[in-house]
């Protein structure tokens, strides 16, 4: 069963989508959360760059691996934002700490409940 449908069912909703107002919020927070994710990745890369206990080749390989892993994660979280995947996307953003409390609280109670149910069930 698709994650969005499981999220919706856990919240008591029978449809795997969210309200139009929550979709508008997603459209607003999507680029902000994406920028936070990028900033986090660049911080991780910077930590590797400045790790003087490793030689240059080891650091290069670690950065390459890190970027590949984060690229897969960024794709899972942010690619193809649409109403049918909005709950899933918002849940992943929340679980990664990419939504501020203010952004999260601006979502409808039903959407917040669905996201929290998913995160509690992990």
N, C-alpha and C. Protein backbone atom coordinates (compact mmCIF):
# COMPACT_ATOMS: atom_id res chain seq x y z
N UNK A 1 0.84 -1.17 0.00
CA UNK A 1 0.00 0.00 0.00
C UNK A 1 0.89 1.24 0.00
N UNK A 2 0.62 2.21 -0.87
CA UNK A 2 1.44 3.42 -0.92
C UNK A 2 1.47 4.14 0.43
N UNK A 3 2.61 4.75 0.73
CA UNK A 3 2.78 5.44 2.00
C UNK A 3 1.74 6.52 2.20
N UNK A 4 1.42 7.28 1.17
CA UNK A 4 0.43 8.36 1.32
C UNK A 4 -0.93 7.79 1.74
N UNK A 5 -1.30 6.63 1.22
CA UNK A 5 -2.57 6.02 1.59
C UNK A 5 -2.51 5.52 3.03
N UNK A 6 -1.37 4.93 3.44
CA UNK A 6 -1.23 4.50 4.83
C UNK A 6 -1.32 5.69 5.76
N UNK A 7 -0.67 6.80 5.38
CA UNK A 7 -0.75 8.01 6.19
C UNK A 7 -2.19 8.48 6.32
N UNK A 8 -2.90 8.51 5.22
CA UNK A 8 -4.28 8.97 5.22
C UNK A 8 -5.14 8.04 6.07
N UNK A 9 -4.96 6.75 5.94
CA UNK A 9 -5.76 5.80 6.71
C UNK A 9 -5.47 5.93 8.20
N UNK A 10 -4.21 6.13 8.56
CA UNK A 10 -3.87 6.30 9.97
C UNK A 10 -4.54 7.52 10.57
N UNK A 11 -4.75 8.53 9.76
CA UNK A 11 -5.37 9.75 10.25
C UNK A 11 -6.89 9.66 10.24
N UNK A 12 -7.43 8.53 9.74
CA UNK A 12 -8.88 8.37 9.69
C UNK A 12 -9.48 8.83 8.38
N UNK A 13 -8.68 9.32 7.47
CA UNK A 13 -9.14 9.80 6.18
C UNK A 13 -9.12 8.63 5.21
N UNK A 14 -10.06 8.59 4.28
CA UNK A 14 -10.07 7.50 3.31
C UNK A 14 -9.43 7.90 1.99
N UNK A 15 -9.02 9.14 1.85
CA UNK A 15 -8.38 9.60 0.62
C UNK A 15 -6.91 9.87 0.86
N UNK A 16 -6.07 9.58 -0.13
CA UNK A 16 -4.64 9.76 0.07
C UNK A 16 -4.12 11.16 -0.28
N UNK A 17 -4.94 12.17 -0.13
CA UNK A 17 -4.49 13.52 -0.47
C UNK A 17 -4.83 14.48 0.65
N UNK A 18 -4.38 15.70 0.49
CA UNK A 18 -4.59 16.71 1.52
C UNK A 18 -5.40 17.86 0.94
N UNK A 19 -5.78 18.78 1.80
CA UNK A 19 -6.59 19.91 1.37
C UNK A 19 -5.79 20.84 0.47
N UNK A 20 -6.51 21.64 -0.26
CA UNK A 20 -5.85 22.61 -1.15
C UNK A 20 -5.01 23.60 -0.35
N UNK A 21 -5.49 24.00 0.83
CA UNK A 21 -4.71 24.94 1.64
C UNK A 21 -3.40 24.31 2.10
N UNK A 22 -3.42 23.02 2.42
CA UNK A 22 -2.17 22.34 2.79
C UNK A 22 -1.25 22.18 1.59
N UNK A 23 -1.84 22.00 0.41
CA UNK A 23 -1.01 21.95 -0.81
C UNK A 23 -0.32 23.29 -1.04
N UNK A 24 -1.04 24.37 -0.77
CA UNK A 24 -0.43 25.70 -0.90
C UNK A 24 0.74 25.85 0.08
N UNK A 25 0.55 25.35 1.28
CA UNK A 25 1.64 25.41 2.27
C UNK A 25 2.83 24.60 1.79
N UNK A 26 2.56 23.41 1.24
CA UNK A 26 3.65 22.59 0.69
C UNK A 26 4.39 23.35 -0.41
N UNK A 27 3.65 23.99 -1.29
CA UNK A 27 4.30 24.76 -2.37
C UNK A 27 5.19 25.86 -1.80
N UNK A 28 4.78 26.42 -0.67
CA UNK A 28 5.58 27.47 -0.03
C UNK A 28 6.80 26.90 0.69
N UNK A 29 6.63 25.81 1.45
CA UNK A 29 7.74 25.30 2.26
C UNK A 29 8.70 24.40 1.48
N UNK A 30 8.26 23.88 0.35
CA UNK A 30 9.11 22.97 -0.44
C UNK A 30 10.48 23.59 -0.75
N UNK A 31 10.54 24.78 -1.35
CA UNK A 31 11.87 25.35 -1.65
C UNK A 31 12.65 25.71 -0.39
N UNK A 32 11.96 26.08 0.68
CA UNK A 32 12.65 26.42 1.94
C UNK A 32 13.28 25.18 2.56
N UNK A 33 12.52 24.09 2.60
CA UNK A 33 13.03 22.83 3.15
C UNK A 33 14.17 22.29 2.29
N UNK A 34 14.03 22.42 0.99
CA UNK A 34 15.08 21.97 0.08
C UNK A 34 16.37 22.75 0.32
N UNK A 35 16.25 24.04 0.51
CA UNK A 35 17.43 24.86 0.79
C UNK A 35 18.06 24.45 2.12
N UNK A 36 17.25 24.15 3.12
CA UNK A 36 17.79 23.68 4.41
C UNK A 36 18.54 22.37 4.24
N UNK A 37 17.98 21.48 3.42
CA UNK A 37 18.64 20.21 3.18
C UNK A 37 19.99 20.43 2.51
N UNK A 38 20.01 21.29 1.48
CA UNK A 38 21.27 21.59 0.78
C UNK A 38 22.30 22.18 1.73
N UNK A 39 21.85 23.09 2.58
CA UNK A 39 22.75 23.70 3.55
C UNK A 39 23.35 22.64 4.47
N UNK A 40 22.52 21.71 4.92
CA UNK A 40 22.98 20.62 5.78
C UNK A 40 24.03 19.77 5.07
N UNK A 41 23.77 19.43 3.82
CA UNK A 41 24.71 18.61 3.06
C UNK A 41 26.04 19.35 2.88
N UNK A 42 25.96 20.61 2.55
CA UNK A 42 27.20 21.38 2.38
C UNK A 42 27.98 21.45 3.69
N UNK A 43 27.28 21.52 4.81
CA UNK A 43 27.95 21.49 6.11
C UNK A 43 28.65 20.15 6.34
N UNK A 44 28.00 19.07 5.94
CA UNK A 44 28.62 17.75 6.06
C UNK A 44 29.86 17.66 5.18
N UNK A 45 29.75 18.17 3.96
CA UNK A 45 30.89 18.15 3.04
C UNK A 45 32.03 18.99 3.63
N UNK A 46 31.70 20.13 4.17
CA UNK A 46 32.73 20.99 4.77
C UNK A 46 33.44 20.28 5.92
N UNK A 47 32.68 19.53 6.71
CA UNK A 47 33.29 18.76 7.79
C UNK A 47 34.29 17.75 7.28
N UNK A 48 33.97 17.12 6.17
CA UNK A 48 34.89 16.14 5.57
C UNK A 48 36.11 16.86 5.00
N UNK A 49 35.89 17.97 4.32
CA UNK A 49 36.99 18.73 3.73
C UNK A 49 38.02 19.12 4.79
N UNK A 50 37.55 19.50 5.96
CA UNK A 50 38.45 19.99 7.01
C UNK A 50 38.93 18.89 7.95
N UNK A 51 38.65 17.65 7.63
CA UNK A 51 39.10 16.53 8.45
C UNK A 51 40.56 16.21 8.09
N UNK A 52 41.49 16.79 8.81
CA UNK A 52 42.90 16.65 8.47
C UNK A 52 43.47 15.29 8.89
N UNK A 53 42.68 14.44 9.53
CA UNK A 53 43.17 13.11 9.87
C UNK A 53 43.16 12.17 8.68
N UNK A 54 42.49 12.58 7.58
CA UNK A 54 42.44 11.76 6.37
C UNK A 54 43.25 12.44 5.26
N UNK A 55 43.82 11.63 4.38
CA UNK A 55 44.51 12.22 3.24
C UNK A 55 43.47 12.71 2.22
N UNK A 56 43.95 13.43 1.21
CA UNK A 56 43.05 14.04 0.23
C UNK A 56 42.20 13.01 -0.50
N UNK A 57 42.81 11.91 -0.87
CA UNK A 57 42.07 10.88 -1.60
C UNK A 57 40.94 10.30 -0.74
N UNK A 58 41.20 10.02 0.50
CA UNK A 58 40.18 9.47 1.40
C UNK A 58 39.04 10.47 1.57
N UNK A 59 39.39 11.74 1.71
CA UNK A 59 38.35 12.77 1.85
C UNK A 59 37.53 12.89 0.58
N UNK A 60 38.21 12.84 -0.57
CA UNK A 60 37.50 12.89 -1.84
C UNK A 60 36.51 11.74 -1.95
N UNK A 61 36.95 10.53 -1.63
CA UNK A 61 36.06 9.36 -1.71
C UNK A 61 34.88 9.48 -0.74
N UNK A 62 35.15 10.00 0.45
CA UNK A 62 34.08 10.18 1.43
C UNK A 62 33.06 11.22 0.94
N UNK A 63 33.54 12.30 0.36
CA UNK A 63 32.64 13.33 -0.18
C UNK A 63 31.82 12.76 -1.33
N UNK A 64 32.46 12.01 -2.21
CA UNK A 64 31.76 11.40 -3.33
C UNK A 64 30.64 10.49 -2.84
N UNK A 65 30.94 9.65 -1.86
CA UNK A 65 29.94 8.73 -1.30
C UNK A 65 28.82 9.51 -0.60
N UNK A 66 29.19 10.53 0.16
CA UNK A 66 28.22 11.35 0.87
C UNK A 66 27.26 12.03 -0.10
N UNK A 67 27.79 12.60 -1.17
CA UNK A 67 26.96 13.30 -2.15
C UNK A 67 26.02 12.31 -2.84
N UNK A 68 26.50 11.13 -3.16
CA UNK A 68 25.63 10.12 -3.76
C UNK A 68 24.49 9.75 -2.83
N UNK A 69 24.80 9.52 -1.56
CA UNK A 69 23.77 9.17 -0.58
C UNK A 69 22.75 10.30 -0.40
N UNK A 70 23.25 11.51 -0.29
CA UNK A 70 22.34 12.64 -0.08
C UNK A 70 21.52 12.93 -1.34
N UNK A 71 22.09 12.65 -2.50
CA UNK A 71 21.35 12.84 -3.74
C UNK A 71 20.16 11.89 -3.80
N UNK A 72 20.36 10.65 -3.37
CA UNK A 72 19.24 9.70 -3.32
C UNK A 72 18.18 10.16 -2.33
N UNK A 73 18.62 10.66 -1.19
CA UNK A 73 17.69 11.13 -0.16
C UNK A 73 16.92 12.36 -0.64
N UNK A 74 17.62 13.30 -1.26
CA UNK A 74 16.96 14.51 -1.74
C UNK A 74 15.91 14.16 -2.79
N UNK A 75 16.21 13.17 -3.60
CA UNK A 75 15.26 12.71 -4.60
C UNK A 75 14.02 12.11 -3.95
N UNK A 76 14.22 11.25 -2.95
CA UNK A 76 13.08 10.63 -2.25
C UNK A 76 12.19 11.67 -1.57
N UNK A 77 12.81 12.68 -1.01
CA UNK A 77 12.04 13.67 -0.25
C UNK A 77 11.39 14.71 -1.15
N UNK A 78 12.09 15.21 -2.14
CA UNK A 78 11.66 16.42 -2.83
C UNK A 78 11.19 16.28 -4.28
N UNK A 79 11.48 15.18 -4.93
CA UNK A 79 11.12 15.07 -6.35
C UNK A 79 9.62 14.94 -6.55
N UNK A 80 9.14 15.59 -7.60
CA UNK A 80 7.77 15.45 -8.08
C UNK A 80 6.71 15.80 -7.05
N UNK A 81 6.73 17.03 -6.53
CA UNK A 81 5.71 17.40 -5.55
C UNK A 81 4.33 17.51 -6.21
N UNK A 82 3.40 16.73 -5.72
CA UNK A 82 2.03 16.79 -6.22
C UNK A 82 1.09 16.41 -5.09
N UNK A 83 -0.15 16.67 -5.29
CA UNK A 83 -1.13 16.48 -4.22
C UNK A 83 -1.18 15.04 -3.73
N UNK A 84 -1.06 14.09 -4.65
CA UNK A 84 -1.17 12.69 -4.26
C UNK A 84 0.02 12.21 -3.42
N UNK A 85 1.13 12.91 -3.47
CA UNK A 85 2.30 12.52 -2.69
C UNK A 85 2.62 13.54 -1.59
N UNK A 86 1.75 14.50 -1.38
CA UNK A 86 2.03 15.59 -0.45
C UNK A 86 2.22 15.12 0.99
N UNK A 87 1.37 14.20 1.46
CA UNK A 87 1.52 13.71 2.83
C UNK A 87 2.86 13.03 3.03
N UNK A 88 3.23 12.21 2.08
CA UNK A 88 4.51 11.51 2.16
C UNK A 88 5.66 12.51 2.19
N UNK A 89 5.60 13.48 1.30
CA UNK A 89 6.66 14.48 1.21
C UNK A 89 6.77 15.27 2.51
N UNK A 90 5.64 15.71 3.03
CA UNK A 90 5.64 16.48 4.28
C UNK A 90 6.13 15.64 5.45
N UNK A 91 5.75 14.36 5.48
CA UNK A 91 6.21 13.48 6.56
C UNK A 91 7.72 13.30 6.51
N UNK A 92 8.27 13.13 5.31
CA UNK A 92 9.72 12.99 5.19
C UNK A 92 10.42 14.29 5.57
N UNK A 93 9.87 15.42 5.17
CA UNK A 93 10.47 16.70 5.55
C UNK A 93 10.47 16.85 7.06
N UNK A 94 9.35 16.50 7.69
CA UNK A 94 9.24 16.60 9.15
C UNK A 94 10.23 15.66 9.83
N UNK A 95 10.31 14.43 9.35
CA UNK A 95 11.20 13.46 10.00
C UNK A 95 12.67 13.85 9.86
N UNK A 96 13.00 14.58 8.82
CA UNK A 96 14.37 15.05 8.61
C UNK A 96 14.65 16.38 9.30
N UNK A 97 13.65 16.93 9.99
CA UNK A 97 13.84 18.21 10.67
C UNK A 97 13.93 19.39 9.74
N UNK A 98 13.28 19.29 8.57
CA UNK A 98 13.38 20.33 7.55
C UNK A 98 12.22 21.31 7.57
N UNK A 99 11.21 21.03 8.39
CA UNK A 99 10.08 21.96 8.57
C UNK A 99 10.22 22.62 9.93
N UNK A 100 10.06 23.91 9.98
CA UNK A 100 10.06 24.58 11.27
C UNK A 100 8.77 24.24 12.00
N UNK A 101 8.75 24.45 13.30
CA UNK A 101 7.52 24.22 14.06
C UNK A 101 6.40 25.13 13.56
N UNK A 102 6.75 26.34 13.20
CA UNK A 102 5.76 27.28 12.67
C UNK A 102 5.17 26.78 11.35
N UNK A 103 6.02 26.29 10.47
CA UNK A 103 5.54 25.75 9.19
C UNK A 103 4.65 24.54 9.43
N UNK A 104 5.09 23.65 10.32
CA UNK A 104 4.30 22.46 10.61
C UNK A 104 2.95 22.83 11.21
N UNK A 105 2.94 23.78 12.12
CA UNK A 105 1.68 24.16 12.78
C UNK A 105 0.74 24.90 11.83
N UNK A 106 1.24 25.38 10.70
CA UNK A 106 0.35 26.05 9.74
C UNK A 106 -0.46 25.05 8.92
N UNK A 107 -0.09 23.76 8.96
CA UNK A 107 -0.86 22.73 8.28
C UNK A 107 -2.15 22.45 9.04
N UNK A 108 -3.13 21.89 8.35
CA UNK A 108 -4.39 21.55 9.02
C UNK A 108 -4.15 20.49 10.09
N UNK A 109 -5.05 20.45 11.05
CA UNK A 109 -4.93 19.47 12.12
C UNK A 109 -4.94 18.04 11.57
N UNK A 110 -5.75 17.80 10.56
CA UNK A 110 -5.82 16.45 9.96
C UNK A 110 -4.49 16.05 9.35
N UNK A 111 -3.86 16.97 8.66
CA UNK A 111 -2.57 16.67 8.04
C UNK A 111 -1.50 16.48 9.10
N UNK A 112 -1.50 17.33 10.11
CA UNK A 112 -0.53 17.16 11.20
C UNK A 112 -0.72 15.81 11.89
N UNK A 113 -1.98 15.44 12.13
CA UNK A 113 -2.26 14.15 12.76
C UNK A 113 -1.75 12.99 11.91
N UNK A 114 -1.98 13.07 10.60
CA UNK A 114 -1.53 12.01 9.70
C UNK A 114 -0.01 11.89 9.71
N UNK A 115 0.66 13.02 9.69
CA UNK A 115 2.13 13.02 9.70
C UNK A 115 2.65 12.48 11.02
N UNK A 116 2.07 12.92 12.13
CA UNK A 116 2.51 12.45 13.44
C UNK A 116 2.25 10.96 13.62
N UNK A 117 1.12 10.47 13.09
CA UNK A 117 0.81 9.04 13.18
C UNK A 117 1.86 8.23 12.42
N UNK A 118 2.23 8.73 11.26
CA UNK A 118 3.27 8.05 10.48
C UNK A 118 4.59 8.03 11.24
N UNK A 119 4.98 9.17 11.76
CA UNK A 119 6.26 9.27 12.45
C UNK A 119 6.26 8.45 13.74
N UNK A 120 5.15 8.38 14.43
CA UNK A 120 5.06 7.58 15.65
C UNK A 120 5.09 6.09 15.33
N UNK A 121 4.61 5.73 14.15
CA UNK A 121 4.55 4.33 13.76
C UNK A 121 5.84 3.79 13.19
N UNK A 122 6.83 4.64 13.03
CA UNK A 122 8.09 4.18 12.43
C UNK A 122 8.82 3.25 13.34
